[in-house]
Amino acid sequence: MLRNIKITENELRYMSLLERMTGATVLDCVIDEEEGSIIFAVKRGEVGLAVGKKGEKIKRFKRLTNKKVDIYEYIDDPVKFIRSALKPARVKEIKLVDRVNGSRIAMVRVEERDKGIAIGKNGRNIKKIRFLAKRYFGLETIIIS
């Protein structure tokens, strides 16, 4: 799923920097100029390596780049990826639905009290996850209920 993704020279620089600073394998990077942040996807099981003990590695990266940073674990299965990306929200169920027009969406049910976590302040969390789900799996959208 990552084969057709185009990465800019700037994104490559950030990927290389994060890899050198943390030892994690970085698979993707997206610079979100609007939010002033960088989104990384790292190899499965390496989020802890990228973040570091008590977050010290990622804090150092943030200070150096002066950017907000989000790190997601890349999983080559849309349901597992969405479940992981929504943590710490507790996901009850995820259904992939093929629509009549040929598009595909994900319907996600989370614990009622975790909707705010899943959506995030001003919808920031779900916006990033929707972007990545479209980028990696061609999902048109994710609907939280």
Protein backbone atom coordinates (compact mmCIF):
# COMPACT_ATOMS: atom_id res chain seq x y z
CA MET A 1 0.00 0.00 0.00
CA LEU A 2 2.93 2.35 0.54
CA ARG A 3 4.36 1.85 -2.97
CA ASN A 4 2.40 4.57 -4.78
CA ILE A 5 3.00 7.28 -2.20
CA LYS A 6 5.05 10.28 -3.28
CA ILE A 7 7.34 11.78 -0.67
CA THR A 8 8.83 15.25 -1.04
CA GLU A 9 12.47 16.10 -0.46
CA ASN A 10 11.54 17.90 2.78
CA GLU A 11 9.61 14.87 4.01
CA LEU A 12 12.61 12.63 3.20
CA ARG A 13 14.82 14.90 5.31
CA TYR A 14 12.48 14.65 8.29
CA MET A 15 12.23 10.86 7.86
CA SER A 16 16.01 10.54 7.84
CA LEU A 17 16.38 12.79 10.87
CA LEU A 18 13.80 10.86 12.90
CA GLU A 19 15.40 7.53 11.96
CA ARG A 20 18.87 8.75 13.00
CA MET A 21 17.59 10.22 16.28
CA THR A 22 15.42 7.27 17.32
CA GLY A 23 16.51 4.11 15.48
CA ALA A 24 12.90 3.53 14.35
CA THR A 25 12.12 2.57 10.76
CA VAL A 26 10.10 5.42 9.27
CA LEU A 27 7.87 4.33 6.37
CA ASP A 28 6.01 7.55 5.58
CA CYS A 29 5.97 11.24 6.42
CA VAL A 30 3.45 14.00 5.75
CA ILE A 31 4.10 17.65 6.53
CA ASP A 32 0.90 19.41 7.55
CA GLU A 33 1.70 23.09 7.01
CA GLU A 34 -1.80 24.14 8.11
CA GLU A 35 -1.36 22.57 11.57
CA GLY A 36 2.40 23.14 11.76
CA SER A 37 2.92 19.45 12.33
CA ILE A 38 4.55 16.36 10.89
CA ILE A 39 2.83 12.98 10.69
CA PHE A 40 5.03 9.88 10.62
CA ALA A 41 4.18 6.24 10.02
CA VAL A 42 6.69 3.84 11.51
CA LYS A 43 7.20 0.11 11.14
CA ARG A 44 4.85 -2.08 13.16
CA GLY A 45 6.00 -2.41 16.75
CA GLU A 46 8.37 0.57 16.62
CA VAL A 47 6.24 3.42 17.99
CA GLY A 48 7.84 3.00 21.42
CA LEU A 49 11.30 3.12 19.85
CA ALA A 50 10.40 6.34 18.00
CA VAL A 51 8.92 7.99 21.09
CA GLY A 52 11.58 6.84 23.54
CA LYS A 53 11.50 6.33 27.28
CA LYS A 54 9.17 8.93 28.85
CA GLY A 55 8.92 10.48 25.37
CA GLU A 56 12.47 11.86 25.48
CA LYS A 57 13.36 11.04 21.85
CA ILE A 58 10.26 12.63 20.36
CA LYS A 59 10.55 15.66 22.66
CA ARG A 60 14.10 16.21 21.42
CA PHE A 61 12.91 15.88 17.80
CA LYS A 62 10.11 18.41 18.44
CA ARG A 63 12.54 20.92 19.99
CA LEU A 64 14.95 20.54 17.09
CA THR A 65 12.31 20.95 14.37
CA ASN A 66 9.93 23.28 16.22
CA LYS A 67 6.99 21.19 14.91
CA LYS A 68 4.21 19.18 16.49
CA VAL A 69 4.69 15.49 15.76
CA ASP A 70 2.26 12.58 15.44
CA ILE A 71 3.51 9.03 15.12
CA TYR A 72 1.31 6.19 13.87
CA GLU A 73 2.11 2.52 13.55
CA TYR A 74 1.77 1.42 9.93
CA ILE A 75 -0.23 -1.80 9.68
CA ASP A 76 -1.05 -3.18 6.24
CA ASP A 77 -4.66 -3.93 7.20
CA PRO A 78 -7.19 -1.07 7.31
CA VAL A 79 -9.17 -2.40 10.29
CA LYS A 80 -6.06 -3.01 12.41
CA PHE A 81 -4.55 0.31 11.33
CA ILE A 82 -7.67 2.29 12.30
CA ARG A 83 -7.98 0.46 15.63
CA SER A 84 -4.35 1.21 16.46
CA ALA A 85 -4.51 4.83 15.25
CA LEU A 86 -7.56 5.57 17.42
CA LYS A 87 -5.85 4.47 20.66
CA PRO A 88 -6.40 5.18 23.49
CA ALA A 89 -10.07 5.30 22.45
CA ARG A 90 -11.69 1.90 22.95
CA VAL A 91 -13.04 0.65 19.64
CA LYS A 92 -16.03 -1.69 19.79
CA GLU A 93 -16.36 -2.48 16.09
CA ILE A 94 -15.03 -1.50 12.66
CA LYS A 95 -16.91 -2.31 9.46
CA LEU A 96 -15.59 -1.62 5.98
CA VAL A 97 -18.49 -0.79 3.67
CA ASP A 98 -18.38 -0.80 -0.13
CA ARG A 99 -20.70 1.89 -1.43
CA VAL A 100 -22.76 1.75 -4.61
CA ASN A 101 -20.57 4.41 -6.25
CA GLY A 102 -17.51 2.18 -5.79
CA SER A 103 -16.00 4.05 -2.86
CA ARG A 104 -15.20 2.38 0.44
CA ILE A 105 -15.75 3.76 3.93
CA ALA A 106 -15.08 2.61 7.49
CA MET A 107 -17.85 2.67 10.09
CA VAL A 108 -16.31 2.74 13.57
CA ARG A 109 -18.14 2.28 16.85
CA VAL A 110 -16.26 3.44 19.93
CA GLU A 111 -17.17 3.46 23.60
CA GLU A 112 -19.53 6.39 24.16
CA ARG A 113 -17.18 8.07 26.62
CA ASP A 114 -14.26 7.75 24.15
CA LYS A 115 -15.83 9.64 21.24
CA GLY A 116 -14.06 12.84 22.24
CA ILE A 117 -10.70 11.06 22.27
CA ALA A 118 -11.34 9.49 18.88
CA ILE A 119 -12.42 12.76 17.28
CA GLY A 120 -9.98 15.04 19.10
CA LYS A 121 -10.09 18.77 19.71
CA ASN A 122 -11.74 20.46 16.72
CA GLY A 123 -11.69 17.08 14.93
CA ARG A 124 -7.88 17.01 14.61
CA ASN A 125 -7.41 13.32 15.49
CA ILE A 126 -10.00 11.94 13.12
CA LYS A 127 -8.90 14.32 10.36
CA LYS A 128 -5.37 12.88 10.44
CA ILE A 129 -6.59 9.30 10.63
CA ARG A 130 -9.01 9.86 7.72
CA PHE A 131 -6.17 11.35 5.67
CA LEU A 132 -3.90 8.37 6.36
CA ALA A 133 -6.68 5.81 5.75
CA LYS A 134 -7.34 7.40 2.36
CA ARG A 135 -3.61 7.58 1.57
CA TYR A 136 -2.89 3.96 2.52
CA PHE A 137 -6.12 2.10 1.82
CA GLY A 138 -8.20 4.32 -0.47
CA LEU A 139 -10.95 4.70 2.14
CA GLU A 140 -13.21 7.64 1.31
CA THR A 141 -13.92 8.45 4.96
CA ILE A 142 -14.21 7.12 8.50
CA ILE A 143 -17.46 7.61 10.37
CA ILE A 144 -17.33 7.52 14.17
CA SER A 145 -20.44 6.51 16.08
